[in-house]
Amino acid sequence: MAENFPPDIEYLTIPDLVERWGISPGKLHRLIEDHHLAGVRVDGVLRIPVGFVQEDGPLHSLRGTLLALLDAGFSEEEAVAWLLAENEELGGRPVDALVAGRKSAVRRATQGLAF
């Protein structure tokens, strides 16, 4: 599935994040189910892009953007791909704009994306 994603993306696995954040696998899966995090399957293993992760938990502004993309009809994999792809309107990748605190610009870029 990861063939739709830029080749330079770094990923973390569930065990990586469980160890990093000191939480249970169940809690981590709930964060994914509740759209605080998203990932893609690579060779059958769920992987979370490093850009979605902060030291103490998920990137705080990620959830609202994921929900906006899902509401627009994106699948979770399509939402992850959109966040990791270069975006002309933002002058870079949406995830990088979120990390830089440009949440409003990213949300504006999601408007009109409905399928």
PDB file of N, CA and C in Angstrom:
ATOM      1  N   MET A   1       0.805  -1.207   0.000  1.00  0.00           N
ATOM      2  CA  MET A   1       0.000   0.000   0.000  1.00  0.00           C
ATOM      3  C   MET A   1       0.846   1.268   0.000  1.00  0.00           C
ATOM      4  N   ALA A   2       2.045   1.196   0.537  1.00  0.00           N
ATOM      5  CA  ALA A   2       2.855   2.400   0.690  1.00  0.00           C
ATOM      6  C   ALA A   2       3.404   2.918  -0.633  1.00  0.00           C
ATOM      7  N   GLU A   3       3.096   2.252  -1.769  1.00  0.00           N
ATOM      8  CA  GLU A   3       3.604   2.733  -3.047  1.00  0.00           C
ATOM      9  C   GLU A   3       3.024   4.098  -3.413  1.00  0.00           C
ATOM     10  N   ASN A   4       1.906   4.497  -2.821  1.00  0.00           N
ATOM     11  CA  ASN A   4       1.303   5.804  -3.084  1.00  0.00           C
ATOM     12  C   ASN A   4       1.929   6.913  -2.249  1.00  0.00           C
ATOM     13  N   PHE A   5       2.927   6.585  -1.465  1.00  0.00           N
ATOM     14  CA  PHE A   5       3.509   7.529  -0.524  1.00  0.00           C
ATOM     15  C   PHE A   5       4.932   7.869  -0.929  1.00  0.00           C
ATOM     16  N   PRO A   6       5.360   9.087  -0.626  1.00  0.00           N
ATOM     17  CA  PRO A   6       6.730   9.448  -0.951  1.00  0.00           C
ATOM     18  C   PRO A   6       7.718   8.456  -0.322  1.00  0.00           C
ATOM     19  N   PRO A   7       8.789   8.104  -1.048  1.00  0.00           N
ATOM     20  CA  PRO A   7       9.712   7.077  -0.550  1.00  0.00           C
ATOM     21  C   PRO A   7      10.540   7.507   0.660  1.00  0.00           C
ATOM     22  N   ASP A   8      10.628   8.802   0.915  1.00  0.00           N
ATOM     23  CA  ASP A   8      11.478   9.282   2.002  1.00  0.00           C
ATOM     24  C   ASP A   8      10.753   9.404   3.343  1.00  0.00           C
ATOM     25  N   ILE A   9       9.527   8.923   3.434  1.00  0.00           N
ATOM     26  CA  ILE A   9       8.761   9.027   4.677  1.00  0.00           C
ATOM     27  C   ILE A   9       9.285   8.023   5.698  1.00  0.00           C
ATOM     28  N   GLU A  10       9.530   8.510   6.897  1.00  0.00           N
ATOM     29  CA  GLU A  10       9.924   7.624   7.999  1.00  0.00           C
ATOM     30  C   GLU A  10       8.676   7.250   8.789  1.00  0.00           C
ATOM     31  N   TYR A  11       8.629   6.026   9.252  1.00  0.00           N
ATOM     32  CA  TYR A  11       7.474   5.517   9.984  1.00  0.00           C
ATOM     33  C   TYR A  11       7.892   4.948  11.331  1.00  0.00           C
ATOM     34  N   LEU A  12       6.932   4.931  12.247  1.00  0.00           N
ATOM     35  CA  LEU A  12       7.079   4.238  13.523  1.00  0.00           C
ATOM     36  C   LEU A  12       6.007   3.158  13.576  1.00  0.00           C
ATOM     37  N   THR A  13       6.307   2.078  14.288  1.00  0.00           N
ATOM     38  CA  THR A  13       5.338   1.001  14.454  1.00  0.00           C
ATOM     39  C   THR A  13       4.624   1.151  15.793  1.00  0.00           C
ATOM     40  N   ILE A  14       3.585   0.361  15.980  1.00  0.00           N
ATOM     41  CA  ILE A  14       2.863   0.369  17.257  1.00  0.00           C
ATOM     42  C   ILE A  14       3.826   0.098  18.423  1.00  0.00           C
ATOM     43  N   PRO A  15       4.664  -0.965  18.357  1.00  0.00           N
ATOM     44  CA  PRO A  15       5.606  -1.182  19.472  1.00  0.00           C
ATOM     45  C   PRO A  15       6.546  -0.002  19.712  1.00  0.00           C
ATOM     46  N   ASP A  16       6.978   0.663  18.634  1.00  0.00           N
ATOM     47  CA  ASP A  16       7.844   1.848  18.793  1.00  0.00           C
ATOM     48  C   ASP A  16       7.147   2.907  19.640  1.00  0.00           C
ATOM     49  N   LEU A  17       5.869   3.182  19.316  1.00  0.00           N
ATOM     50  CA  LEU A  17       5.137   4.246  20.007  1.00  0.00           C
ATOM     51  C   LEU A  17       4.735   3.835  21.422  1.00  0.00           C
ATOM     52  N   VAL A  18       4.411   2.573  21.613  1.00  0.00           N
ATOM     53  CA  VAL A  18       4.095   2.078  22.956  1.00  0.00           C
ATOM     54  C   VAL A  18       5.294   2.325  23.877  1.00  0.00           C
ATOM     55  N   GLU A  19       6.475   1.999  23.379  1.00  0.00           N
ATOM     56  CA  GLU A  19       7.693   2.205  24.172  1.00  0.00           C
ATOM     57  C   GLU A  19       7.993   3.690  24.357  1.00  0.00           C
ATOM     58  N   ARG A  20       7.876   4.445  23.296  1.00  0.00           N
ATOM     59  CA  ARG A  20       8.202   5.878  23.334  1.00  0.00           C
ATOM     60  C   ARG A  20       7.307   6.639  24.303  1.00  0.00           C
ATOM     61  N   TRP A  21       6.007   6.366  24.254  1.00  0.00           N
ATOM     62  CA  TRP A  21       5.052   7.108  25.073  1.00  0.00           C
ATOM     63  C   TRP A  21       4.712   6.418  26.385  1.00  0.00           C
ATOM     64  N   GLY A  22       5.139   5.183  26.573  1.00  0.00           N
ATOM     65  CA  GLY A  22       4.851   4.469  27.819  1.00  0.00           C
ATOM     66  C   GLY A  22       3.368   4.189  28.015  1.00  0.00           C
ATOM     67  N   ILE A  23       2.679   3.852  26.917  1.00  0.00           N
ATOM     68  CA  ILE A  23       1.245   3.539  27.000  1.00  0.00           C
ATOM     69  C   ILE A  23       1.011   2.112  26.513  1.00  0.00           C
ATOM     70  N   SER A  24      -0.169   1.609  26.760  1.00  0.00           N
ATOM     71  CA  SER A  24      -0.497   0.247  26.335  1.00  0.00           C
ATOM     72  C   SER A  24      -0.835   0.223  24.843  1.00  0.00           C
ATOM     73  N   PRO A  25      -0.661  -0.936  24.202  1.00  0.00           N
ATOM     74  CA  PRO A  25      -1.079  -1.051  22.801  1.00  0.00           C
ATOM     75  C   PRO A  25      -2.566  -0.727  22.624  1.00  0.00           C
ATOM     76  N   GLY A  26      -3.394  -1.103  23.585  1.00  0.00           N
ATOM     77  CA  GLY A  26      -4.822  -0.812  23.505  1.00  0.00           C
ATOM     78  C   GLY A  26      -5.089   0.685  23.475  1.00  0.00           C
ATOM     79  N   LYS A  27      -4.393   1.434  24.313  1.00  0.00           N
ATOM     80  CA  LYS A  27      -4.563   2.899  24.334  1.00  0.00           C
ATOM     81  C   LYS A  27      -4.115   3.493  23.002  1.00  0.00           C
ATOM     82  N   LEU A  28      -3.029   2.987  22.455  1.00  0.00           N
ATOM     83  CA  LEU A  28      -2.542   3.483  21.180  1.00  0.00           C
ATOM     84  C   LEU A  28      -3.542   3.184  20.061  1.00  0.00           C
ATOM     85  N   HIS A  29      -4.116   1.997  20.063  1.00  0.00           N
ATOM     86  CA  HIS A  29      -5.124   1.661  19.055  1.00  0.00           C
ATOM     87  C   HIS A  29      -6.360   2.554  19.189  1.00  0.00           C
ATOM     88  N   ARG A  30      -6.713   2.935  20.422  1.00  0.00           N
ATOM     89  CA  ARG A  30      -7.836   3.856  20.627  1.00  0.00           C
ATOM     90  C   ARG A  30      -7.515   5.234  20.054  1.00  0.00           C
ATOM     91  N   LEU A  31      -6.279   5.684  20.202  1.00  0.00           N
ATOM     92  CA  LEU A  31      -5.877   6.968  19.611  1.00  0.00           C
ATOM     93  C   LEU A  31      -6.057   6.936  18.089  1.00  0.00           C
ATOM     94  N   ILE A  32      -5.758   5.788  17.484  1.00  0.00           N
ATOM     95  CA  ILE A  32      -5.933   5.638  16.034  1.00  0.00           C
ATOM     96  C   ILE A  32      -7.418   5.577  15.693  1.00  0.00           C
ATOM     97  N   GLU A  33      -8.179   4.780  16.428  1.00  0.00           N
ATOM     98  CA  GLU A  33      -9.622   4.652  16.178  1.00  0.00           C
ATOM     99  C   GLU A  33     -10.342   5.993  16.334  1.00  0.00           C
ATOM    100  N   ASP A  34      -9.880   6.817  17.276  1.00  0.00           N
ATOM    101  CA  ASP A  34     -10.498   8.118  17.530  1.00  0.00           C
ATOM    102  C   ASP A  34      -9.900   9.230  16.659  1.00  0.00           C
ATOM    103  N   HIS A  35      -9.036   8.841  15.713  1.00  0.00           N
ATOM    104  CA  HIS A  35      -8.443   9.747  14.726  1.00  0.00           C
ATOM    105  C   HIS A  35      -7.506  10.798  15.316  1.00  0.00           C
ATOM    106  N   HIS A  36      -6.880  10.469  16.441  1.00  0.00           N
ATOM    107  CA  HIS A  36      -5.816  11.327  16.964  1.00  0.00           C
ATOM    108  C   HIS A  36      -4.520  11.020  16.211  1.00  0.00           C
ATOM    109  N   LEU A  37      -4.466   9.821  15.629  1.00  0.00           N
ATOM    110  CA  LEU A  37      -3.337   9.351  14.834  1.00  0.00           C
ATOM    111  C   LEU A  37      -3.884   8.616  13.629  1.00  0.00           C
ATOM    112  N   ALA A  38      -3.060   8.452  12.622  1.00  0.00           N
ATOM    113  CA  ALA A  38      -3.428   7.644  11.458  1.00  0.00           C
ATOM    114  C   ALA A  38      -2.159   6.991  10.934  1.00  0.00           C
ATOM    115  N   GLY A  39      -2.359   5.895  10.271  1.00  0.00           N
ATOM    116  CA  GLY A  39      -1.219   5.198   9.708  1.00  0.00           C
ATOM    117  C   GLY A  39      -1.612   4.438   8.464  1.00  0.00           C
ATOM    118  N   VAL A  40      -0.629   3.783   7.895  1.00  0.00           N
ATOM    119  CA  VAL A  40      -0.836   2.953   6.711  1.00  0.00           C
ATOM    120  C   VAL A  40      -0.173   1.607   6.937  1.00  0.00           C
ATOM    121  N   ARG A  41      -0.686   0.622   6.254  1.00  0.00           N
ATOM    122  CA  ARG A  41      -0.079  -0.703   6.327  1.00  0.00           C
ATOM    123  C   ARG A  41       1.022  -0.798   5.276  1.00  0.00           C
ATOM    124  N   VAL A  42       2.195  -1.184   5.735  1.00  0.00           N
ATOM    125  CA  VAL A  42       3.340  -1.425   4.869  1.00  0.00           C
ATOM    126  C   VAL A  42       3.770  -2.861   5.129  1.00  0.00           C
ATOM    127  N   ASP A  43       3.659  -3.694   4.105  1.00  0.00           N
ATOM    128  CA  ASP A  43       3.969  -5.119   4.257  1.00  0.00           C
ATOM    129  C   ASP A  43       3.182  -5.741   5.414  1.00  0.00           C
ATOM    130  N   GLY A  44       1.924  -5.320   5.560  1.00  0.00           N
ATOM    131  CA  GLY A  44       1.047  -5.880   6.574  1.00  0.00           C
ATOM    132  C   GLY A  44       1.206  -5.301   7.969  1.00  0.00           C
ATOM    133  N   VAL A  45       2.153  -4.392   8.148  1.00  0.00           N
ATOM    134  CA  VAL A  45       2.417  -3.808   9.464  1.00  0.00           C
ATOM    135  C   VAL A  45       1.913  -2.365   9.473  1.00  0.00           C
ATOM    136  N   LEU A  46       1.102  -2.024  10.490  1.00  0.00           N
ATOM    137  CA  LEU A  46       0.610  -0.653  10.613  1.00  0.00           C
ATOM    138  C   LEU A  46       1.759   0.255  11.011  1.00  0.00           C
ATOM    139  N   ARG A  47       1.937   1.299  10.221  1.00  0.00           N
ATOM    140  CA  ARG A  47       3.031   2.244  10.464  1.00  0.00           C
ATOM    141  C   ARG A  47       2.475   3.665  10.516  1.00  0.00           C
ATOM    142  N   ILE A  48       2.997   4.428  11.463  1.00  0.00           N
ATOM    143  CA  ILE A  48       2.582   5.810  11.685  1.00  0.00           C
ATOM    144  C   ILE A  48       3.696   6.718  11.174  1.00  0.00           C
ATOM    145  N   PRO A  49       3.391   7.665  10.275  1.00  0.00           N
ATOM    146  CA  PRO A  49       4.428   8.600   9.832  1.00  0.00           C
ATOM    147  C   PRO A  49       5.007   9.395  11.011  1.00  0.00           C
ATOM    148  N   VAL A  50       6.314   9.524  11.022  1.00  0.00           N
ATOM    149  CA  VAL A  50       7.010  10.223  12.103  1.00  0.00           C
ATOM    150  C   VAL A  50       6.476  11.641  12.287  1.00  0.00           C
ATOM    151  N   GLY A  51       6.089  12.300  11.206  1.00  0.00           N
ATOM    152  CA  GLY A  51       5.582  13.672  11.296  1.00  0.00           C
ATOM    153  C   GLY A  51       4.297  13.810  12.091  1.00  0.00           C
ATOM    154  N   PHE A  52       3.590  12.706  12.305  1.00  0.00           N
ATOM    155  CA  PHE A  52       2.337  12.727  13.059  1.00  0.00           C
ATOM    156  C   PHE A  52       2.565  12.613  14.563  1.00  0.00           C
ATOM    157  N   VAL A  53       3.827  12.494  14.957  1.00  0.00           N
ATOM    158  CA  VAL A  53       4.172  12.132  16.337  1.00  0.00           C
ATOM    159  C   VAL A  53       5.007  13.223  16.995  1.00  0.00           C
ATOM    160  N   GLN A  54       4.644  13.538  18.247  1.00  0.00           N
ATOM    161  CA  GLN A  54       5.471  14.421  19.066  1.00  0.00           C
ATOM    162  C   GLN A  54       6.072  13.574  20.192  1.00  0.00           C
ATOM    163  N   GLU A  55       6.926  14.158  20.980  1.00  0.00           N
ATOM    164  CA  GLU A  55       7.571  13.393  22.057  1.00  0.00           C
ATOM    165  C   GLU A  55       6.564  12.760  23.008  1.00  0.00           C
ATOM    166  N   ASP A  56       5.512  13.519  23.346  1.00  0.00           N
ATOM    167  CA  ASP A  56       4.590  13.081  24.399  1.00  0.00           C
ATOM    168  C   ASP A  56       3.265  12.542  23.883  1.00  0.00           C
ATOM    169  N   GLY A  57       3.079  12.491  22.570  1.00  0.00           N
ATOM    170  CA  GLY A  57       1.818  12.001  22.036  1.00  0.00           C
ATOM    171  C   GLY A  57       1.643  12.410  20.586  1.00  0.00           C
ATOM    172  N   PRO A  58       0.426  12.236  20.071  1.00  0.00           N
ATOM    173  CA  PRO A  58       0.164  12.612  18.682  1.00  0.00           C
ATOM    174  C   PRO A  58       0.295  14.119  18.463  1.00  0.00           C
ATOM    175  N   LEU A  59       0.613  14.505  17.235  1.00  0.00           N
ATOM    176  CA  LEU A  59       0.615  15.911  16.849  1.00  0.00           C
ATOM    177  C   LEU A  59      -0.772  16.469  17.155  1.00  0.00           C
ATOM    178  N   HIS A  60      -0.844  17.491  18.000  1.00  0.00           N
ATOM    179  CA  HIS A  60      -2.127  17.959  18.536  1.00  0.00           C
ATOM    180  C   HIS A  60      -3.112  18.412  17.467  1.00  0.00           C
ATOM    181  N   SER A  61      -2.637  19.048  16.414  1.00  0.00           N
ATOM    182  CA  SER A  61      -3.542  19.576  15.397  1.00  0.00           C
ATOM    183  C   SER A  61      -3.919  18.541  14.334  1.00  0.00           C
ATOM    184  N   LEU A  62      -3.413  17.321  14.454  1.00  0.00           N
ATOM    185  CA  LEU A  62      -3.671  16.295  13.442  1.00  0.00           C
ATOM    186  C   LEU A  62      -5.123  15.844  13.421  1.00  0.00           C
ATOM    187  N   ARG A  63      -5.728  15.663  14.588  1.00  0.00           N
ATOM    188  CA  ARG A  63      -7.076  15.084  14.661  1.00  0.00           C
ATOM    189  C   ARG A  63      -8.109  15.889  13.868  1.00  0.00           C
ATOM    190  N   GLY A  64      -8.146  17.183  14.055  1.00  0.00           N
ATOM    191  CA  GLY A  64      -9.131  18.005  13.359  1.00  0.00           C
ATOM    192  C   GLY A  64      -8.963  17.938  11.851  1.00  0.00           C
ATOM    193  N   THR A  65      -7.716  17.898  11.402  1.00  0.00           N
ATOM    194  CA  THR A  65      -7.457  17.802   9.972  1.00  0.00           C
ATOM    195  C   THR A  65      -7.864  16.428   9.452  1.00  0.00           C
ATOM    196  N   LEU A  66      -7.544  15.377  10.184  1.00  0.00           N
ATOM    197  CA  LEU A  66      -7.972  14.029   9.781  1.00  0.00           C
ATOM    198  C   LEU A  66      -9.491  13.955   9.684  1.00  0.00           C
ATOM    199  N   LEU A  67     -10.178  14.504  10.667  1.00  0.00           N
ATOM    200  CA  LEU A  67     -11.640  14.470  10.645  1.00  0.00           C
ATOM    201  C   LEU A  67     -12.195  15.247   9.455  1.00  0.00           C
ATOM    202  N   ALA A  68     -11.589  16.383   9.132  1.00  0.00           N
ATOM    203  CA  ALA A  68     -12.041  17.169   7.976  1.00  0.00           C
ATOM    204  C   ALA A  68     -11.863  16.369   6.685  1.00  0.00           C
ATOM    205  N   LEU A  69     -10.741  15.676   6.561  1.00  0.00           N
ATOM    206  CA  LEU A  69     -10.489  14.873   5.365  1.00  0.00           C
ATOM    207  C   LEU A  69     -11.436  13.675   5.291  1.00  0.00           C
ATOM    208  N   LEU A  70     -11.663  13.023   6.416  1.00  0.00           N
ATOM    209  CA  LEU A  70     -12.586  11.887   6.436  1.00  0.00           C
ATOM    210  C   LEU A  70     -14.003  12.345   6.107  1.00  0.00           C
ATOM    211  N   ASP A  71     -14.404  13.496   6.646  1.00  0.00           N
ATOM    212  CA  ASP A  71     -15.724  14.057   6.342  1.00  0.00           C
ATOM    213  C   ASP A  71     -15.859  14.411   4.861  1.00  0.00           C
ATOM    214  N   ALA A  72     -14.737  14.724   4.218  1.00  0.00           N
ATOM    215  CA  ALA A  72     -14.741  15.053   2.792  1.00  0.00           C
ATOM    216  C   ALA A  72     -14.794  13.803   1.917  1.00  0.00           C
ATOM    217  N   GLY A  73     -14.773  12.627   2.551  1.00  0.00           N
ATOM    218  CA  GLY A  73     -14.882  11.388   1.797  1.00  0.00           C
ATOM    219  C   GLY A  73     -13.577  10.648   1.593  1.00  0.00           C
ATOM    220  N   PHE A  74     -12.501  11.135   2.173  1.00  0.00           N
ATOM    221  CA  PHE A  74     -11.215  10.453   2.062  1.00  0.00           C
ATOM    222  C   PHE A  74     -11.233   9.181   2.901  1.00  0.00           C
ATOM    223  N   SER A  75     -10.552   8.150   2.444  1.00  0.00           N
ATOM    224  CA  SER A  75     -10.285   6.987   3.295  1.00  0.00           C
ATOM    225  C   SER A  75      -9.131   7.396   4.213  1.00  0.00           C
ATOM    226  N   GLU A  76      -8.876   6.595   5.229  1.00  0.00           N
ATOM    227  CA  GLU A  76      -7.762   6.922   6.123  1.00  0.00           C
ATOM    228  C   GLU A  76      -6.453   6.949   5.345  1.00  0.00           C
ATOM    229  N   GLU A  77      -6.260   5.996   4.459  1.00  0.00           N
ATOM    230  CA  GLU A  77      -5.027   5.955   3.671  1.00  0.00           C
ATOM    231  C   GLU A  77      -4.913   7.178   2.763  1.00  0.00           C
ATOM    232  N   GLU A  78      -6.012   7.588   2.149  1.00  0.00           N
ATOM    233  CA  GLU A  78      -5.995   8.788   1.303  1.00  0.00           C
ATOM    234  C   GLU A  78      -5.704  10.039   2.125  1.00  0.00           C
ATOM    235  N   ALA A  79      -6.235  10.098   3.336  1.00  0.00           N
ATOM    236  CA  ALA A  79      -5.975  11.244   4.213  1.00  0.00           C
ATOM    237  C   ALA A  79      -4.489  11.309   4.570  1.00  0.00           C
ATOM    238  N   VAL A  80      -3.905  10.164   4.900  1.00  0.00           N
ATOM    239  CA  VAL A  80      -2.473  10.124   5.222  1.00  0.00           C
ATOM    240  C   VAL A  80      -1.662  10.572   4.001  1.00  0.00           C
ATOM    241  N   ALA A  81      -2.029  10.066   2.819  1.00  0.00           N
ATOM    242  CA  ALA A  81      -1.308  10.439   1.598  1.00  0.00           C
ATOM    243  C   ALA A  81      -1.399  11.947   1.353  1.00  0.00           C
ATOM    244  N   TRP A  82      -2.594  12.530   1.563  1.00  0.00           N
ATOM    245  CA  TRP A  82      -2.768  13.976   1.360  1.00  0.00           C
ATOM    246  C   TRP A  82      -1.876  14.755   2.320  1.00  0.00           C
ATOM    247  N   LEU A  83      -1.831  14.334   3.568  1.00  0.00           N
ATOM    248  CA  LEU A  83      -1.026  15.028   4.572  1.00  0.00           C
ATOM    249  C   LEU A  83       0.466  14.966   4.267  1.00  0.00           C
ATOM    250  N   LEU A  84       0.898  13.915   3.571  1.00  0.00           N
ATOM    251  CA  LEU A  84       2.324  13.721   3.300  1.00  0.00           C
ATOM    252  C   LEU A  84       2.763  14.227   1.929  1.00  0.00           C
ATOM    253  N   ALA A  85       1.800  14.585   1.076  1.00  0.00           N
ATOM    254  CA  ALA A  85       2.126  15.024  -0.284  1.00  0.00           C
ATOM    255  C   ALA A  85       2.384  16.534  -0.326  1.00  0.00           C
ATOM    256  N   GLU A  86       3.214  16.945  -1.266  1.00  0.00           N
ATOM    257  CA  GLU A  86       3.445  18.373  -1.482  1.00  0.00           C
ATOM    258  C   GLU A  86       2.124  19.029  -1.857  1.00  0.00           C
ATOM    259  N   ASN A  87       1.890  20.206  -1.303  1.00  0.00           N
ATOM    260  CA  ASN A  87       0.652  20.936  -1.560  1.00  0.00           C
ATOM    261  C   ASN A  87       1.027  22.345  -1.999  1.00  0.00           C
ATOM    262  N   GLU A  88       0.675  22.663  -3.228  1.00  0.00           N
ATOM    263  CA  GLU A  88       1.042  23.965  -3.799  1.00  0.00           C
ATOM    264  C   GLU A  88       0.480  25.122  -2.979  1.00  0.00           C
ATOM    265  N   GLU A  89      -0.769  24.999  -2.552  1.00  0.00           N
ATOM    266  CA  GLU A  89      -1.417  26.061  -1.779  1.00  0.00           C
ATOM    267  C   GLU A  89      -0.671  26.353  -0.476  1.00  0.00           C
ATOM    268  N   LEU A  90      -0.110  25.307   0.132  1.00  0.00           N
ATOM    269  CA  LEU A  90       0.591  25.464   1.406  1.00  0.00           C
ATOM    270  C   LEU A  90       2.096  25.682   1.225  1.00  0.00           C
ATOM    271  N   GLY A  91       2.593  25.469   0.024  1.00  0.00           N
ATOM    272  CA  GLY A  91       4.026  25.615  -0.208  1.00  0.00           C
ATOM    273  C   GLY A  91       4.844  24.526   0.448  1.00  0.00           C
ATOM    274  N   GLY A  92       4.272  23.353   0.594  1.00  0.00           N
ATOM    275  CA  GLY A  92       4.961  22.222   1.217  1.00  0.00           C
ATOM    276  C   GLY A  92       3.950  21.167   1.611  1.00  0.00           C
ATOM    277  N   ARG A  93       4.381  20.272   2.454  1.00  0.00           N
ATOM    278  CA  ARG A  93       3.488  19.192   2.901  1.00  0.00           C
ATOM    279  C   ARG A  93       2.564  19.692   4.007  1.00  0.00           C
ATOM    280  N   PRO A  94       1.284  19.310   3.965  1.00  0.00           N
ATOM    281  CA  PRO A  94       0.366  19.726   5.027  1.00  0.00           C
ATOM    282  C   PRO A  94       0.839  19.340   6.427  1.00  0.00           C
ATOM    283  N   VAL A  95       1.420  18.167   6.590  1.00  0.00           N
ATOM    284  CA  VAL A  95       1.879  17.774   7.928  1.00  0.00           C
ATOM    285  C   VAL A  95       2.952  18.730   8.433  1.00  0.00           C
ATOM    286  N   ASP A  96       3.819  19.203   7.552  1.00  0.00           N
ATOM    287  CA  ASP A  96       4.857  20.152   7.973  1.00  0.00           C
ATOM    288  C   ASP A  96       4.241  21.488   8.375  1.00  0.00           C
ATOM    289  N   ALA A  97       3.182  21.876   7.663  1.00  0.00           N
ATOM    290  CA  ALA A  97       2.476  23.106   8.031  1.00  0.00           C
ATOM    291  C   ALA A  97       1.831  22.956   9.408  1.00  0.00           C
ATOM    292  N   LEU A  98       1.276  21.779   9.694  1.00  0.00           N
ATOM    293  CA  LEU A  98       0.695  21.548  11.027  1.00  0.00           C
ATOM    294  C   LEU A  98       1.766  21.626  12.107  1.00  0.00           C
ATOM    295  N   VAL A  99       2.900  20.997  11.859  1.00  0.00           N
ATOM    296  CA  VAL A  99       4.003  21.031  12.835  1.00  0.00           C
ATOM    297  C   VAL A  99       4.449  22.468  13.080  1.00  0.00           C
ATOM    298  N   ALA A 100       4.408  23.291  12.024  1.00  0.00           N
ATOM    299  CA  ALA A 100       4.830  24.692  12.131  1.00  0.00           C
ATOM    300  C   ALA A 100       3.759  25.591  12.743  1.00  0.00           C
ATOM    301  N   GLY A 101       2.611  25.003  13.117  1.00  0.00           N
ATOM    302  CA  GLY A 101       1.559  25.789  13.755  1.00  0.00           C
ATOM    303  C   GLY A 101       0.617  26.472  12.783  1.00  0.00           C
ATOM    304  N   ARG A 102       0.601  26.040  11.531  1.00  0.00           N
ATOM    305  CA  ARG A 102      -0.252  26.663  10.519  1.00  0.00           C
ATOM    306  C   ARG A 102      -1.539  25.857  10.304  1.00  0.00           C
ATOM    307  N   LYS A 103      -2.175  25.523  11.400  1.00  0.00           N
ATOM    308  CA  LYS A 103      -3.389  24.703  11.371  1.00  0.00           C
ATOM    309  C   LYS A 103      -4.485  25.345  10.528  1.00  0.00           C
ATOM    310  N   SER A 104      -4.719  26.620  10.669  1.00  0.00           N
ATOM    311  CA  SER A 104      -5.789  27.289   9.920  1.00  0.00           C
ATOM    312  C   SER A 104      -5.555  27.201   8.420  1.00  0.00           C
ATOM    313  N   ALA A 105      -4.326  27.379   7.978  1.00  0.00           N
ATOM    314  CA  ALA A 105      -4.008  27.296   6.552  1.00  0.00           C
ATOM    315  C   ALA A 105      -4.277  25.887   6.027  1.00  0.00           C
ATOM    316  N   VAL A 106      -3.924  24.881   6.822  1.00  0.00           N
ATOM    317  CA  VAL A 106      -4.154  23.492   6.414  1.00  0.00           C
ATOM    318  C   VAL A 106      -5.646  23.210   6.337  1.00  0.00           C
ATOM    319  N   ARG A 107      -6.396  23.671   7.315  1.00  0.00           N
ATOM    320  CA  ARG A 107      -7.845  23.444   7.301  1.00  0.00           C
ATOM    321  C   ARG A 107      -8.488  24.132   6.108  1.00  0.00           C
ATOM    322  N   ARG A 108      -8.015  25.334   5.763  1.00  0.00           N
ATOM    323  CA  ARG A 108      -8.534  26.017   4.576  1.00  0.00           C
ATOM    324  C   ARG A 108      -8.249  25.195   3.318  1.00  0.00           C
ATOM    325  N   ALA A 109      -7.081  24.589   3.278  1.00  0.00           N
ATOM    326  CA  ALA A 109      -6.700  23.776   2.109  1.00  0.00           C
ATOM    327  C   ALA A 109      -7.563  22.522   1.991  1.00  0.00           C
ATOM    328  N   THR A 110      -8.157  22.068   3.092  1.00  0.00           N
ATOM    329  CA  THR A 110      -9.029  20.881   3.031  1.00  0.00           C
ATOM    330  C   THR A 110     -10.421  21.221   2.507  1.00  0.00           C
ATOM    331  N   GLN A 111     -10.785  22.488   2.565  1.00  0.00           N
ATOM    332  CA  GLN A 111     -12.123  22.881   2.102  1.00  0.00           C
ATOM    333  C   GLN A 111     -12.202  22.681   0.596  1.00  0.00           C
ATOM    334  N   GLY A 112     -13.302  22.164   0.156  1.00  0.00           N
ATOM    335  CA  GLY A 112     -13.494  21.934  -1.270  1.00  0.00           C
ATOM    336  C   GLY A 112     -12.870  20.654  -1.787  1.00  0.00           C
ATOM    337  N   LEU A 113     -12.391  19.808  -0.895  1.00  0.00           N
ATOM    338  CA  LEU A 113     -11.784  18.544  -1.302  1.00  0.00           C
ATOM    339  C   LEU A 113     -12.791  17.404  -1.382  1.00  0.00           C
ATOM    340  N   ALA A 114     -14.038  17.639  -1.035  1.00  0.00           N
ATOM    341  CA  ALA A 114     -15.024  16.552  -0.953  1.00  0.00           C
ATOM    342  C   ALA A 114     -15.130  15.796  -2.273  1.00  0.00           C
ATOM    343  N   PHE A 115     -15.230  14.514  -2.130  1.00  0.00           N
ATOM    344  CA  PHE A 115     -15.396  13.620  -3.299  1.00  0.00           C
ATOM    345  C   PHE A 115     -16.832  13.584  -3.711  1.00  0.00           C
TER     346      PHE A 115
END
